[in-house]
Amino acid sequence: MPTAKTIAWIERLIWILIYVGLFAVVLGLAALSHHVAAALSWLLIVSGAILAVIGVVLIWVRSRLDGRTEGLSPANAQCKPDALKGTE
């Protein structure tokens, strides 16, 4: 069960990776259009795209984490449907 601190760290990492990755892609595209060091431009584009994709994958990973975390009140914690079986 992940702690609230772990989830906050993952969420912060997600947006850092996405924004830095997209910035690197845009910077690489701008450098490519001005014919400045084509190899460096492609390196920025590819590495930025990889960082952005990792950020998107981490969004999926975060969505799959158990919603019940340590340190959250029961009103804020999500309950899995399987936990409700047999309560009818």
N, C-alpha and C. Protein backbone atom coordinates (compact mmCIF):
# COMPACT_ATOMS: atom_id res chain seq x y z
N MET A 1 0.85 -1.17 0.00
CA MET A 1 0.00 0.00 0.00
C MET A 1 0.90 1.24 0.00
N PRO A 2 0.79 2.07 -1.02
CA PRO A 2 1.65 3.26 -1.08
C PRO A 2 1.20 4.32 -0.08
N THR A 3 2.17 5.06 0.40
CA THR A 3 1.85 6.14 1.33
C THR A 3 1.45 7.39 0.55
N ALA A 4 0.87 8.34 1.23
CA ALA A 4 0.48 9.59 0.59
C ALA A 4 1.71 10.33 0.07
N LYS A 5 2.83 10.20 0.78
CA LYS A 5 4.07 10.85 0.35
C LYS A 5 4.57 10.24 -0.97
N THR A 6 4.47 8.92 -1.09
CA THR A 6 4.90 8.25 -2.32
C THR A 6 4.05 8.68 -3.50
N ILE A 7 2.75 8.75 -3.29
CA ILE A 7 1.85 9.16 -4.37
C ILE A 7 2.12 10.61 -4.78
N ALA A 8 2.36 11.48 -3.82
CA ALA A 8 2.68 12.87 -4.13
C ALA A 8 3.98 12.97 -4.92
N TRP A 9 4.97 12.15 -4.55
CA TRP A 9 6.24 12.13 -5.26
C TRP A 9 6.05 11.67 -6.70
N ILE A 10 5.25 10.63 -6.91
CA ILE A 10 4.99 10.12 -8.26
C ILE A 10 4.26 11.17 -9.09
N GLU A 11 3.27 11.82 -8.51
CA GLU A 11 2.52 12.85 -9.25
C GLU A 11 3.42 14.02 -9.65
N ARG A 12 4.32 14.41 -8.75
CA ARG A 12 5.25 15.49 -9.08
C ARG A 12 6.20 15.05 -10.20
N LEU A 13 6.70 13.82 -10.12
CA LEU A 13 7.59 13.30 -11.14
C LEU A 13 6.91 13.21 -12.51
N ILE A 14 5.64 12.83 -12.52
CA ILE A 14 4.89 12.72 -13.77
C ILE A 14 4.92 14.05 -14.52
N TRP A 15 4.56 15.13 -13.84
CA TRP A 15 4.46 16.42 -14.54
C TRP A 15 5.82 16.98 -14.88
N ILE A 16 6.83 16.72 -14.07
CA ILE A 16 8.18 17.16 -14.42
C ILE A 16 8.63 16.47 -15.69
N LEU A 17 8.43 15.16 -15.78
CA LEU A 17 8.84 14.42 -16.98
C LEU A 17 8.10 14.90 -18.22
N ILE A 18 6.80 15.11 -18.10
CA ILE A 18 6.01 15.52 -19.26
C ILE A 18 6.43 16.92 -19.73
N TYR A 19 6.52 17.87 -18.81
CA TYR A 19 6.86 19.23 -19.22
C TYR A 19 8.30 19.35 -19.73
N VAL A 20 9.25 18.71 -19.08
CA VAL A 20 10.63 18.76 -19.55
C VAL A 20 10.75 18.05 -20.90
N GLY A 21 10.06 16.93 -21.05
CA GLY A 21 10.09 16.21 -22.32
C GLY A 21 9.52 17.01 -23.46
N LEU A 22 8.37 17.64 -23.24
CA LEU A 22 7.76 18.44 -24.31
C LEU A 22 8.60 19.68 -24.62
N PHE A 23 9.21 20.27 -23.59
CA PHE A 23 10.10 21.41 -23.82
C PHE A 23 11.30 20.99 -24.67
N ALA A 24 11.86 19.83 -24.39
CA ALA A 24 13.00 19.33 -25.17
C ALA A 24 12.59 19.06 -26.62
N VAL A 25 11.39 18.53 -26.83
CA VAL A 25 10.92 18.28 -28.19
C VAL A 25 10.79 19.60 -28.94
N VAL A 26 10.18 20.59 -28.33
CA VAL A 26 10.00 21.89 -28.99
C VAL A 26 11.35 22.55 -29.26
N LEU A 27 12.26 22.48 -28.30
CA LEU A 27 13.59 23.04 -28.49
C LEU A 27 14.32 22.33 -29.64
N GLY A 28 14.20 21.01 -29.70
CA GLY A 28 14.81 20.26 -30.79
C GLY A 28 14.22 20.60 -32.14
N LEU A 29 12.90 20.76 -32.20
CA LEU A 29 12.25 21.14 -33.46
C LEU A 29 12.66 22.54 -33.90
N ALA A 30 12.77 23.45 -32.94
CA ALA A 30 13.19 24.81 -33.27
C ALA A 30 14.62 24.82 -33.79
N ALA A 31 15.50 24.06 -33.17
CA ALA A 31 16.90 24.00 -33.61
C ALA A 31 17.00 23.31 -34.97
N LEU A 32 16.15 22.34 -35.21
CA LEU A 32 16.17 21.62 -36.48
C LEU A 32 15.73 22.53 -37.62
N SER A 33 14.75 23.39 -37.37
CA SER A 33 14.27 24.26 -38.43
C SER A 33 15.27 25.36 -38.76
N HIS A 34 16.21 25.64 -37.86
CA HIS A 34 17.24 26.65 -38.12
C HIS A 34 18.55 26.00 -38.55
N HIS A 35 18.53 24.73 -38.87
CA HIS A 35 19.70 23.99 -39.36
C HIS A 35 20.89 24.09 -38.41
N VAL A 36 20.60 23.94 -37.13
CA VAL A 36 21.66 23.98 -36.12
C VAL A 36 21.90 22.56 -35.63
N ALA A 37 23.05 22.02 -35.90
CA ALA A 37 23.48 20.71 -35.40
C ALA A 37 22.34 19.69 -35.43
N ALA A 38 22.11 19.13 -36.58
CA ALA A 38 20.99 18.21 -36.79
C ALA A 38 21.02 17.03 -35.81
N ALA A 39 22.20 16.52 -35.51
CA ALA A 39 22.29 15.38 -34.59
C ALA A 39 21.83 15.78 -33.18
N LEU A 40 22.22 16.96 -32.75
CA LEU A 40 21.80 17.44 -31.43
C LEU A 40 20.29 17.69 -31.40
N SER A 41 19.77 18.22 -32.50
CA SER A 41 18.33 18.47 -32.58
C SER A 41 17.55 17.17 -32.47
N TRP A 42 17.98 16.16 -33.20
CA TRP A 42 17.28 14.87 -33.14
C TRP A 42 17.43 14.22 -31.78
N LEU A 43 18.58 14.41 -31.15
CA LEU A 43 18.77 13.88 -29.80
C LEU A 43 17.78 14.52 -28.83
N LEU A 44 17.60 15.84 -28.93
CA LEU A 44 16.62 16.52 -28.09
C LEU A 44 15.20 16.05 -28.37
N ILE A 45 14.87 15.88 -29.63
CA ILE A 45 13.52 15.45 -30.00
C ILE A 45 13.22 14.06 -29.46
N VAL A 46 14.13 13.14 -29.70
CA VAL A 46 13.91 11.74 -29.29
C VAL A 46 13.93 11.60 -27.77
N SER A 47 14.90 12.22 -27.12
CA SER A 47 14.96 12.09 -25.66
C SER A 47 13.77 12.79 -25.00
N GLY A 48 13.34 13.91 -25.54
CA GLY A 48 12.16 14.59 -25.01
C GLY A 48 10.90 13.77 -25.17
N ALA A 49 10.76 13.14 -26.34
CA ALA A 49 9.59 12.28 -26.57
C ALA A 49 9.59 11.10 -25.61
N ILE A 50 10.76 10.53 -25.37
CA ILE A 50 10.86 9.39 -24.45
C ILE A 50 10.47 9.83 -23.03
N LEU A 51 10.94 11.00 -22.59
CA LEU A 51 10.59 11.49 -21.26
C LEU A 51 9.08 11.73 -21.14
N ALA A 52 8.48 12.31 -22.17
CA ALA A 52 7.04 12.56 -22.14
C ALA A 52 6.25 11.25 -22.09
N VAL A 53 6.70 10.25 -22.84
CA VAL A 53 6.02 8.95 -22.83
C VAL A 53 6.16 8.29 -21.46
N ILE A 54 7.33 8.40 -20.85
CA ILE A 54 7.50 7.85 -19.50
C ILE A 54 6.53 8.53 -18.53
N GLY A 55 6.36 9.84 -18.68
CA GLY A 55 5.41 10.56 -17.83
C GLY A 55 3.99 10.06 -18.02
N VAL A 56 3.60 9.80 -19.27
CA VAL A 56 2.25 9.28 -19.55
C VAL A 56 2.09 7.88 -18.98
N VAL A 57 3.11 7.06 -19.10
CA VAL A 57 3.05 5.70 -18.53
C VAL A 57 2.91 5.78 -17.01
N LEU A 58 3.60 6.73 -16.39
CA LEU A 58 3.48 6.89 -14.94
C LEU A 58 2.08 7.35 -14.54
N ILE A 59 1.39 8.08 -15.41
CA ILE A 59 -0.01 8.43 -15.13
C ILE A 59 -0.83 7.15 -15.06
N TRP A 60 -0.59 6.22 -15.97
CA TRP A 60 -1.30 4.94 -15.97
C TRP A 60 -0.95 4.15 -14.71
N VAL A 61 0.34 4.13 -14.35
CA VAL A 61 0.77 3.41 -13.15
C VAL A 61 0.09 4.00 -11.91
N ARG A 62 0.04 5.33 -11.84
CA ARG A 62 -0.60 5.99 -10.70
C ARG A 62 -2.09 5.65 -10.63
N SER A 63 -2.73 5.51 -11.79
CA SER A 63 -4.15 5.18 -11.78
C SER A 63 -4.39 3.74 -11.30
N ARG A 64 -3.39 2.90 -11.41
CA ARG A 64 -3.52 1.50 -10.99
C ARG A 64 -3.11 1.27 -9.54
N LEU A 65 -2.53 2.27 -8.90
CA LEU A 65 -2.16 2.10 -7.49
C LEU A 65 -3.41 1.98 -6.65
N ASP A 66 -3.29 1.27 -5.57
CA ASP A 66 -4.40 1.10 -4.65
C ASP A 66 -4.82 2.46 -4.13
N GLY A 67 -6.10 2.78 -4.24
CA GLY A 67 -6.59 4.08 -3.82
C GLY A 67 -6.57 4.29 -2.33
N ARG A 68 -6.54 3.22 -1.57
CA ARG A 68 -6.51 3.34 -0.11
C ARG A 68 -5.06 3.54 0.31
N THR A 69 -4.73 4.73 0.75
CA THR A 69 -3.36 5.01 1.13
C THR A 69 -3.29 5.29 2.63
N GLU A 70 -2.11 5.13 3.17
CA GLU A 70 -1.88 5.43 4.57
C GLU A 70 -1.91 6.94 4.74
N GLY A 71 -2.54 7.41 5.78
CA GLY A 71 -2.54 8.82 6.06
C GLY A 71 -3.75 9.57 5.49
N LEU A 72 -4.59 8.90 4.70
CA LEU A 72 -5.78 9.55 4.18
C LEU A 72 -6.98 9.16 5.04
N SER A 73 -7.91 10.05 5.17
CA SER A 73 -9.11 9.74 5.94
C SER A 73 -9.99 8.81 5.12
N PRO A 74 -10.84 8.00 5.75
CA PRO A 74 -11.70 7.08 5.01
C PRO A 74 -12.62 7.79 4.02
N ALA A 75 -12.97 9.04 4.29
CA ALA A 75 -13.84 9.77 3.37
C ALA A 75 -13.12 10.06 2.06
N ASN A 76 -11.80 10.21 2.09
CA ASN A 76 -11.03 10.51 0.89
C ASN A 76 -10.52 9.26 0.20
N ALA A 77 -10.46 8.14 0.88
CA ALA A 77 -9.93 6.92 0.31
C ALA A 77 -10.96 6.26 -0.60
N GLN A 78 -10.47 5.68 -1.67
CA GLN A 78 -11.36 4.98 -2.59
C GLN A 78 -11.51 3.54 -2.13
N CYS A 79 -12.66 2.98 -2.38
CA CYS A 79 -12.93 1.60 -1.98
C CYS A 79 -13.07 0.76 -3.23
N LYS A 80 -12.41 -0.38 -3.27
CA LYS A 80 -12.51 -1.27 -4.41
C LYS A 80 -13.85 -2.01 -4.37
N PRO A 81 -14.48 -2.23 -5.53
CA PRO A 81 -15.76 -2.95 -5.55
C PRO A 81 -15.66 -4.36 -4.98
N ASP A 82 -14.52 -5.02 -5.14
CA ASP A 82 -14.36 -6.38 -4.64
C ASP A 82 -14.48 -6.43 -3.11
N ALA A 83 -14.11 -5.34 -2.46
CA ALA A 83 -14.18 -5.30 -1.00
C ALA A 83 -15.62 -5.24 -0.51
N LEU A 84 -16.55 -4.88 -1.38
CA LEU A 84 -17.95 -4.76 -1.00
C LEU A 84 -18.76 -6.03 -1.21
N LYS A 85 -18.16 -7.04 -1.82
CA LYS A 85 -18.88 -8.28 -2.06
C LYS A 85 -19.27 -8.93 -0.74
N GLY A 86 -20.45 -9.46 -0.69
CA GLY A 86 -20.92 -10.16 0.48
C GLY A 86 -21.52 -9.25 1.54
N THR A 87 -21.62 -7.97 1.25
CA THR A 87 -22.20 -7.06 2.22
C THR A 87 -23.67 -6.77 1.94
N GLU A 88 -24.21 -7.45 0.93
CA GLU A 88 -25.59 -7.20 0.56
C GLU A 88 -26.55 -7.96 1.43
